[in-house]
Amino acid sequence: MSDNSEANIVTADALTLLLHNQHAICAAIEEVTKWLSKNGVGSVAANAIAAMETLDRNAEDITDAIMRLRRL
């Protein structure tokens, strides 16, 4: 295995862990958003939803990067 392949594996593994963290953060924001919505703080809930949408978009790009690294 070349040094570059080893670096790709390590990078992909690190990105995978970050992606798992991102999913956990998104789940936490979703729970807070539900609570905010139920308690009449709709404008804050809308901001939280926008944050979750950003996390989702970025998660897709991170997943693509991980897959490209693992193929190299």
PDB file of N, CA and C in Angstrom:
ATOM      1  N   MET A   1       0.848  -1.177   0.000  1.00  0.00           N
ATOM      2  CA  MET A   1       0.000   0.000   0.000  1.00  0.00           C
ATOM      3  C   MET A   1       0.891   1.237   0.000  1.00  0.00           C
ATOM      4  N   SER A   2       0.625   2.144  -0.882  1.00  0.00           N
ATOM      5  CA  SER A   2       1.441   3.352  -0.952  1.00  0.00           C
ATOM      6  C   SER A   2       1.073   4.302   0.171  1.00  0.00           C
ATOM      7  N   ASP A   3       1.976   5.239   0.430  1.00  0.00           N
ATOM      8  CA  ASP A   3       1.722   6.233   1.466  1.00  0.00           C
ATOM      9  C   ASP A   3       0.466   7.039   1.166  1.00  0.00           C
ATOM     10  N   ASN A   4       0.254   7.343  -0.126  1.00  0.00           N
ATOM     11  CA  ASN A   4      -0.925   8.112  -0.511  1.00  0.00           C
ATOM     12  C   ASN A   4      -2.206   7.344  -0.195  1.00  0.00           C
ATOM     13  N   SER A   5      -2.225   6.043  -0.450  1.00  0.00           N
ATOM     14  CA  SER A   5      -3.402   5.231  -0.146  1.00  0.00           C
ATOM     15  C   SER A   5      -3.664   5.206   1.350  1.00  0.00           C
ATOM     16  N   GLU A   6      -2.604   5.073   2.122  1.00  0.00           N
ATOM     17  CA  GLU A   6      -2.747   5.082   3.587  1.00  0.00           C
ATOM     18  C   GLU A   6      -3.307   6.420   4.058  1.00  0.00           C
ATOM     19  N   ALA A   7      -2.815   7.505   3.485  1.00  0.00           N
ATOM     20  CA  ALA A   7      -3.320   8.837   3.844  1.00  0.00           C
ATOM     21  C   ALA A   7      -4.787   8.976   3.466  1.00  0.00           C
ATOM     22  N   ASN A   8      -5.172   8.433   2.317  1.00  0.00           N
ATOM     23  CA  ASN A   8      -6.571   8.482   1.900  1.00  0.00           C
ATOM     24  C   ASN A   8      -7.463   7.723   2.871  1.00  0.00           C
ATOM     25  N   ILE A   9      -7.002   6.571   3.323  1.00  0.00           N
ATOM     26  CA  ILE A   9      -7.779   5.770   4.272  1.00  0.00           C
ATOM     27  C   ILE A   9      -7.949   6.515   5.590  1.00  0.00           C
ATOM     28  N   VAL A  10      -6.857   7.078   6.094  1.00  0.00           N
ATOM     29  CA  VAL A  10      -6.910   7.819   7.352  1.00  0.00           C
ATOM     30  C   VAL A  10      -7.834   9.029   7.212  1.00  0.00           C
ATOM     31  N   THR A  11      -7.725   9.725   6.094  1.00  0.00           N
ATOM     32  CA  THR A  11      -8.572  10.892   5.856  1.00  0.00           C
ATOM     33  C   THR A  11     -10.026  10.482   5.761  1.00  0.00           C
ATOM     34  N   ALA A  12     -10.313   9.426   5.028  1.00  0.00           N
ATOM     35  CA  ALA A  12     -11.688   8.942   4.894  1.00  0.00           C
ATOM     36  C   ALA A  12     -12.247   8.507   6.247  1.00  0.00           C
ATOM     37  N   ASP A  13     -11.425   7.835   7.054  1.00  0.00           N
ATOM     38  CA  ASP A  13     -11.875   7.424   8.385  1.00  0.00           C
ATOM     39  C   ASP A  13     -12.200   8.631   9.264  1.00  0.00           C
ATOM     40  N   ALA A  14     -11.347   9.652   9.204  1.00  0.00           N
ATOM     41  CA  ALA A  14     -11.591  10.866   9.987  1.00  0.00           C
ATOM     42  C   ALA A  14     -12.854  11.574   9.514  1.00  0.00           C
ATOM     43  N   LEU A  15     -13.026  11.666   8.199  1.00  0.00           N
ATOM     44  CA  LEU A  15     -14.235  12.294   7.659  1.00  0.00           C
ATOM     45  C   LEU A  15     -15.489  11.503   8.046  1.00  0.00           C
ATOM     46  N   THR A  16     -15.374  10.191   8.095  1.00  0.00           N
ATOM     47  CA  THR A  16     -16.505   9.359   8.492  1.00  0.00           C
ATOM     48  C   THR A  16     -16.922   9.671   9.928  1.00  0.00           C
ATOM     49  N   LEU A  17     -15.941   9.810  10.804  1.00  0.00           N
ATOM     50  CA  LEU A  17     -16.251  10.158  12.192  1.00  0.00           C
ATOM     51  C   LEU A  17     -16.900  11.540  12.277  1.00  0.00           C
ATOM     52  N   LEU A  18     -16.387  12.491  11.519  1.00  0.00           N
ATOM     53  CA  LEU A  18     -16.985  13.825  11.495  1.00  0.00           C
ATOM     54  C   LEU A  18     -18.407  13.782  10.952  1.00  0.00           C
ATOM     55  N   LEU A  19     -18.623  12.944   9.958  1.00  0.00           N
ATOM     56  CA  LEU A  19     -19.967  12.793   9.400  1.00  0.00           C
ATOM     57  C   LEU A  19     -20.932  12.223  10.441  1.00  0.00           C
ATOM     58  N   HIS A  20     -20.468  11.243  11.213  1.00  0.00           N
ATOM     59  CA  HIS A  20     -21.307  10.684  12.280  1.00  0.00           C
ATOM     60  C   HIS A  20     -21.641  11.769  13.306  1.00  0.00           C
ATOM     61  N   ASN A  21     -20.660  12.604  13.635  1.00  0.00           N
ATOM     62  CA  ASN A  21     -20.912  13.716  14.558  1.00  0.00           C
ATOM     63  C   ASN A  21     -21.943  14.669  13.966  1.00  0.00           C
ATOM     64  N   GLN A  22     -21.825  14.930  12.676  1.00  0.00           N
ATOM     65  CA  GLN A  22     -22.748  15.841  12.015  1.00  0.00           C
ATOM     66  C   GLN A  22     -24.173  15.294  12.068  1.00  0.00           C
ATOM     67  N   HIS A  23     -24.327  13.992  11.866  1.00  0.00           N
ATOM     68  CA  HIS A  23     -25.652  13.375  11.949  1.00  0.00           C
ATOM     69  C   HIS A  23     -26.209  13.494  13.374  1.00  0.00           C
ATOM     70  N   ALA A  24     -25.356  13.326  14.369  1.00  0.00           N
ATOM     71  CA  ALA A  24     -25.797  13.435  15.759  1.00  0.00           C
ATOM     72  C   ALA A  24     -26.224  14.871  16.084  1.00  0.00           C
ATOM     73  N   ILE A  25     -25.462  15.840  15.599  1.00  0.00           N
ATOM     74  CA  ILE A  25     -25.816  17.243  15.808  1.00  0.00           C
ATOM     75  C   ILE A  25     -27.153  17.553  15.140  1.00  0.00           C
ATOM     76  N   CYS A  26     -27.335  17.054  13.946  1.00  0.00           N
ATOM     77  CA  CYS A  26     -28.593  17.275  13.230  1.00  0.00           C
ATOM     78  C   CYS A  26     -29.760  16.668  14.007  1.00  0.00           C
ATOM     79  N   ALA A  27     -29.585  15.491  14.553  1.00  0.00           N
ATOM     80  CA  ALA A  27     -30.647  14.846  15.331  1.00  0.00           C
ATOM     81  C   ALA A  27     -30.975  15.670  16.575  1.00  0.00           C
ATOM     82  N   ALA A  28     -29.955  16.213  17.222  1.00  0.00           N
ATOM     83  CA  ALA A  28     -30.183  17.046  18.403  1.00  0.00           C
ATOM     84  C   ALA A  28     -30.930  18.326  18.028  1.00  0.00           C
ATOM     85  N   ILE A  29     -30.522  18.955  16.930  1.00  0.00           N
ATOM     86  CA  ILE A  29     -31.208  20.169  16.478  1.00  0.00           C
ATOM     87  C   ILE A  29     -32.659  19.852  16.133  1.00  0.00           C
ATOM     88  N   GLU A  30     -32.888  18.689  15.545  1.00  0.00           N
ATOM     89  CA  GLU A  30     -34.254  18.305  15.200  1.00  0.00           C
ATOM     90  C   GLU A  30     -35.125  18.188  16.449  1.00  0.00           C
ATOM     91  N   GLU A  31     -34.578  17.594  17.498  1.00  0.00           N
ATOM     92  CA  GLU A  31     -35.342  17.470  18.747  1.00  0.00           C
ATOM     93  C   GLU A  31     -35.640  18.834  19.350  1.00  0.00           C
ATOM     94  N   VAL A  32     -34.663  19.726  19.346  1.00  0.00           N
ATOM     95  CA  VAL A  32     -34.873  21.079  19.867  1.00  0.00           C
ATOM     96  C   VAL A  32     -35.902  21.813  19.010  1.00  0.00           C
ATOM     97  N   THR A  33     -35.836  21.612  17.700  1.00  0.00           N
ATOM     98  CA  THR A  33     -36.789  22.255  16.793  1.00  0.00           C
ATOM     99  C   THR A  33     -38.213  21.810  17.087  1.00  0.00           C
ATOM    100  N   LYS A  34     -38.403  20.517  17.334  1.00  0.00           N
ATOM    101  CA  LYS A  34     -39.736  20.020  17.682  1.00  0.00           C
ATOM    102  C   LYS A  34     -40.243  20.688  18.951  1.00  0.00           C
ATOM    103  N   TRP A  35     -39.367  20.791  19.937  1.00  0.00           N
ATOM    104  CA  TRP A  35     -39.756  21.413  21.198  1.00  0.00           C
ATOM    105  C   TRP A  35     -40.112  22.884  20.985  1.00  0.00           C
ATOM    106  N   LEU A  36     -39.289  23.587  20.202  1.00  0.00           N
ATOM    107  CA  LEU A  36     -39.547  25.002  19.932  1.00  0.00           C
ATOM    108  C   LEU A  36     -40.893  25.181  19.230  1.00  0.00           C
ATOM    109  N   SER A  37     -41.158  24.336  18.263  1.00  0.00           N
ATOM    110  CA  SER A  37     -42.418  24.426  17.521  1.00  0.00           C
ATOM    111  C   SER A  37     -43.614  24.205  18.437  1.00  0.00           C
ATOM    112  N   LYS A  38     -43.510  23.231  19.323  1.00  0.00           N
ATOM    113  CA  LYS A  38     -44.615  22.920  20.246  1.00  0.00           C
ATOM    114  C   LYS A  38     -44.823  24.022  21.272  1.00  0.00           C
ATOM    115  N   ASN A  39     -43.783  24.806  21.532  1.00  0.00           N
ATOM    116  CA  ASN A  39     -43.860  25.831  22.568  1.00  0.00           C
ATOM    117  C   ASN A  39     -43.958  27.242  21.999  1.00  0.00           C
ATOM    118  N   GLY A  40     -44.387  27.337  20.750  1.00  0.00           N
ATOM    119  CA  GLY A  40     -44.716  28.620  20.178  1.00  0.00           C
ATOM    120  C   GLY A  40     -43.550  29.519  19.796  1.00  0.00           C
ATOM    121  N   VAL A  41     -42.401  28.944  19.549  1.00  0.00           N
ATOM    122  CA  VAL A  41     -41.241  29.741  19.154  1.00  0.00           C
ATOM    123  C   VAL A  41     -40.908  29.383  17.701  1.00  0.00           C
ATOM    124  N   GLY A  42     -41.876  29.656  16.842  1.00  0.00           N
ATOM    125  CA  GLY A  42     -41.777  29.243  15.448  1.00  0.00           C
ATOM    126  C   GLY A  42     -40.629  29.865  14.690  1.00  0.00           C
ATOM    127  N   SER A  43     -40.312  31.142  14.971  1.00  0.00           N
ATOM    128  CA  SER A  43     -39.233  31.790  14.220  1.00  0.00           C
ATOM    129  C   SER A  43     -37.884  31.155  14.534  1.00  0.00           C
ATOM    130  N   VAL A  44     -37.687  30.782  15.779  1.00  0.00           N
ATOM    131  CA  VAL A  44     -36.437  30.109  16.158  1.00  0.00           C
ATOM    132  C   VAL A  44     -36.410  28.712  15.557  1.00  0.00           C
ATOM    133  N   ALA A  45     -37.550  28.048  15.558  1.00  0.00           N
ATOM    134  CA  ALA A  45     -37.634  26.715  14.956  1.00  0.00           C
ATOM    135  C   ALA A  45     -37.302  26.779  13.466  1.00  0.00           C
ATOM    136  N   ALA A  46     -37.767  27.835  12.788  1.00  0.00           N
ATOM    137  CA  ALA A  46     -37.466  27.984  11.363  1.00  0.00           C
ATOM    138  C   ALA A  46     -35.963  28.134  11.141  1.00  0.00           C
ATOM    139  N   ASN A  47     -35.298  28.866  12.004  1.00  0.00           N
ATOM    140  CA  ASN A  47     -33.841  29.012  11.892  1.00  0.00           C
ATOM    141  C   ASN A  47     -33.145  27.670  12.120  1.00  0.00           C
ATOM    142  N   ALA A  48     -33.659  26.897  13.058  1.00  0.00           N
ATOM    143  CA  ALA A  48     -33.074  25.581  13.319  1.00  0.00           C
ATOM    144  C   ALA A  48     -33.269  24.660  12.120  1.00  0.00           C
ATOM    145  N   ILE A  49     -34.418  24.747  11.481  1.00  0.00           N
ATOM    146  CA  ILE A  49     -34.672  23.937  10.286  1.00  0.00           C
ATOM    147  C   ILE A  49     -33.697  24.312   9.183  1.00  0.00           C
ATOM    148  N   ALA A  50     -33.435  25.603   9.019  1.00  0.00           N
ATOM    149  CA  ALA A  50     -32.463  26.050   8.015  1.00  0.00           C
ATOM    150  C   ALA A  50     -31.076  25.486   8.330  1.00  0.00           C
ATOM    151  N   ALA A  51     -30.723  25.445   9.604  1.00  0.00           N
ATOM    152  CA  ALA A  51     -29.428  24.875   9.992  1.00  0.00           C
ATOM    153  C   ALA A  51     -29.370  23.390   9.663  1.00  0.00           C
ATOM    154  N   MET A  52     -30.470  22.667   9.894  1.00  0.00           N
ATOM    155  CA  MET A  52     -30.504  21.238   9.570  1.00  0.00           C
ATOM    156  C   MET A  52     -30.381  21.012   8.072  1.00  0.00           C
ATOM    157  N   GLU A  53     -30.996  21.876   7.286  1.00  0.00           N
ATOM    158  CA  GLU A  53     -30.885  21.741   5.830  1.00  0.00           C
ATOM    159  C   GLU A  53     -29.443  21.921   5.378  1.00  0.00           C
ATOM    160  N   THR A  54     -28.732  22.851   5.990  1.00  0.00           N
ATOM    161  CA  THR A  54     -27.313  23.039   5.680  1.00  0.00           C
ATOM    162  C   THR A  54     -26.513  21.803   6.070  1.00  0.00           C
ATOM    163  N   LEU A  55     -26.789  21.260   7.245  1.00  0.00           N
ATOM    164  CA  LEU A  55     -26.100  20.039   7.669  1.00  0.00           C
ATOM    165  C   LEU A  55     -26.358  18.900   6.693  1.00  0.00           C
ATOM    166  N   ASP A  56     -27.587  18.768   6.242  1.00  0.00           N
ATOM    167  CA  ASP A  56     -27.929  17.705   5.285  1.00  0.00           C
ATOM    168  C   ASP A  56     -27.183  17.873   3.959  1.00  0.00           C
ATOM    169  N   ARG A  57     -27.163  19.105   3.445  1.00  0.00           N
ATOM    170  CA  ARG A  57     -26.448  19.351   2.179  1.00  0.00           C
ATOM    171  C   ARG A  57     -24.965  19.031   2.338  1.00  0.00           C
ATOM    172  N   ASN A  58     -24.383  19.488   3.426  1.00  0.00           N
ATOM    173  CA  ASN A  58     -22.960  19.237   3.648  1.00  0.00           C
ATOM    174  C   ASN A  58     -22.679  17.757   3.869  1.00  0.00           C
ATOM    175  N   ALA A  59     -23.586  17.055   4.511  1.00  0.00           N
ATOM    176  CA  ALA A  59     -23.407  15.622   4.747  1.00  0.00           C
ATOM    177  C   ALA A  59     -23.319  14.872   3.424  1.00  0.00           C
ATOM    178  N   GLU A  60     -24.121  15.286   2.453  1.00  0.00           N
ATOM    179  CA  GLU A  60     -24.079  14.643   1.138  1.00  0.00           C
ATOM    180  C   GLU A  60     -22.709  14.846   0.489  1.00  0.00           C
ATOM    181  N   ASP A  61     -22.189  16.061   0.572  1.00  0.00           N
ATOM    182  CA  ASP A  61     -20.876  16.339  -0.021  1.00  0.00           C
ATOM    183  C   ASP A  61     -19.757  15.607   0.710  1.00  0.00           C
ATOM    184  N   ILE A  62     -19.859  15.532   2.026  1.00  0.00           N
ATOM    185  CA  ILE A  62     -18.849  14.806   2.801  1.00  0.00           C
ATOM    186  C   ILE A  62     -18.886  13.326   2.442  1.00  0.00           C
ATOM    187  N   THR A  63     -20.085  12.774   2.308  1.00  0.00           N
ATOM    188  CA  THR A  63     -20.221  11.369   1.923  1.00  0.00           C
ATOM    189  C   THR A  63     -19.586  11.118   0.561  1.00  0.00           C
ATOM    190  N   ASP A  64     -19.831  12.018  -0.379  1.00  0.00           N
ATOM    191  CA  ASP A  64     -19.218  11.877  -1.701  1.00  0.00           C
ATOM    192  C   ASP A  64     -17.691  11.914  -1.605  1.00  0.00           C
ATOM    193  N   ALA A  65     -17.161  12.821  -0.807  1.00  0.00           N
ATOM    194  CA  ALA A  65     -15.705  12.920  -0.643  1.00  0.00           C
ATOM    195  C   ALA A  65     -15.131  11.650  -0.026  1.00  0.00           C
ATOM    196  N   ILE A  66     -15.831  11.106   0.965  1.00  0.00           N
ATOM    197  CA  ILE A  66     -15.382   9.863   1.597  1.00  0.00           C
ATOM    198  C   ILE A  66     -15.338   8.734   0.570  1.00  0.00           C
ATOM    199  N   MET A  67     -16.370   8.632  -0.229  1.00  0.00           N
ATOM    200  CA  MET A  67     -16.423   7.571  -1.228  1.00  0.00           C
ATOM    201  C   MET A  67     -15.307   7.734  -2.254  1.00  0.00           C
ATOM    202  N   ARG A  68     -15.027   8.960  -2.669  1.00  0.00           N
ATOM    203  CA  ARG A  68     -13.924   9.191  -3.639  1.00  0.00           C
ATOM    204  C   ARG A  68     -12.603   8.806  -3.018  1.00  0.00           C
ATOM    205  N   LEU A  69     -12.368   9.173  -1.763  1.00  0.00           N
ATOM    206  CA  LEU A  69     -11.112   8.816  -1.104  1.00  0.00           C
ATOM    207  C   LEU A  69     -10.947   7.298  -0.990  1.00  0.00           C
ATOM    208  N   ARG A  70     -12.019   6.619  -0.689  1.00  0.00           N
ATOM    209  CA  ARG A  70     -11.942   5.165  -0.509  1.00  0.00           C
ATOM    210  C   ARG A  70     -11.703   4.451  -1.838  1.00  0.00           C
ATOM    211  N   ARG A  71     -12.053   5.078  -2.955  1.00  0.00           N
ATOM    212  CA  ARG A  71     -11.821   4.465  -4.269  1.00  0.00           C
ATOM    213  C   ARG A  71     -10.398   4.685  -4.748  1.00  0.00           C
ATOM    214  N   LEU A  72      -9.702   5.689  -4.208  1.00  0.00           N
ATOM    215  CA  LEU A  72      -8.335   5.988  -4.684  1.00  0.00           C
ATOM    216  C   LEU A  72      -7.343   4.953  -4.202  1.00  0.00           C
TER     217      LEU A  72
END
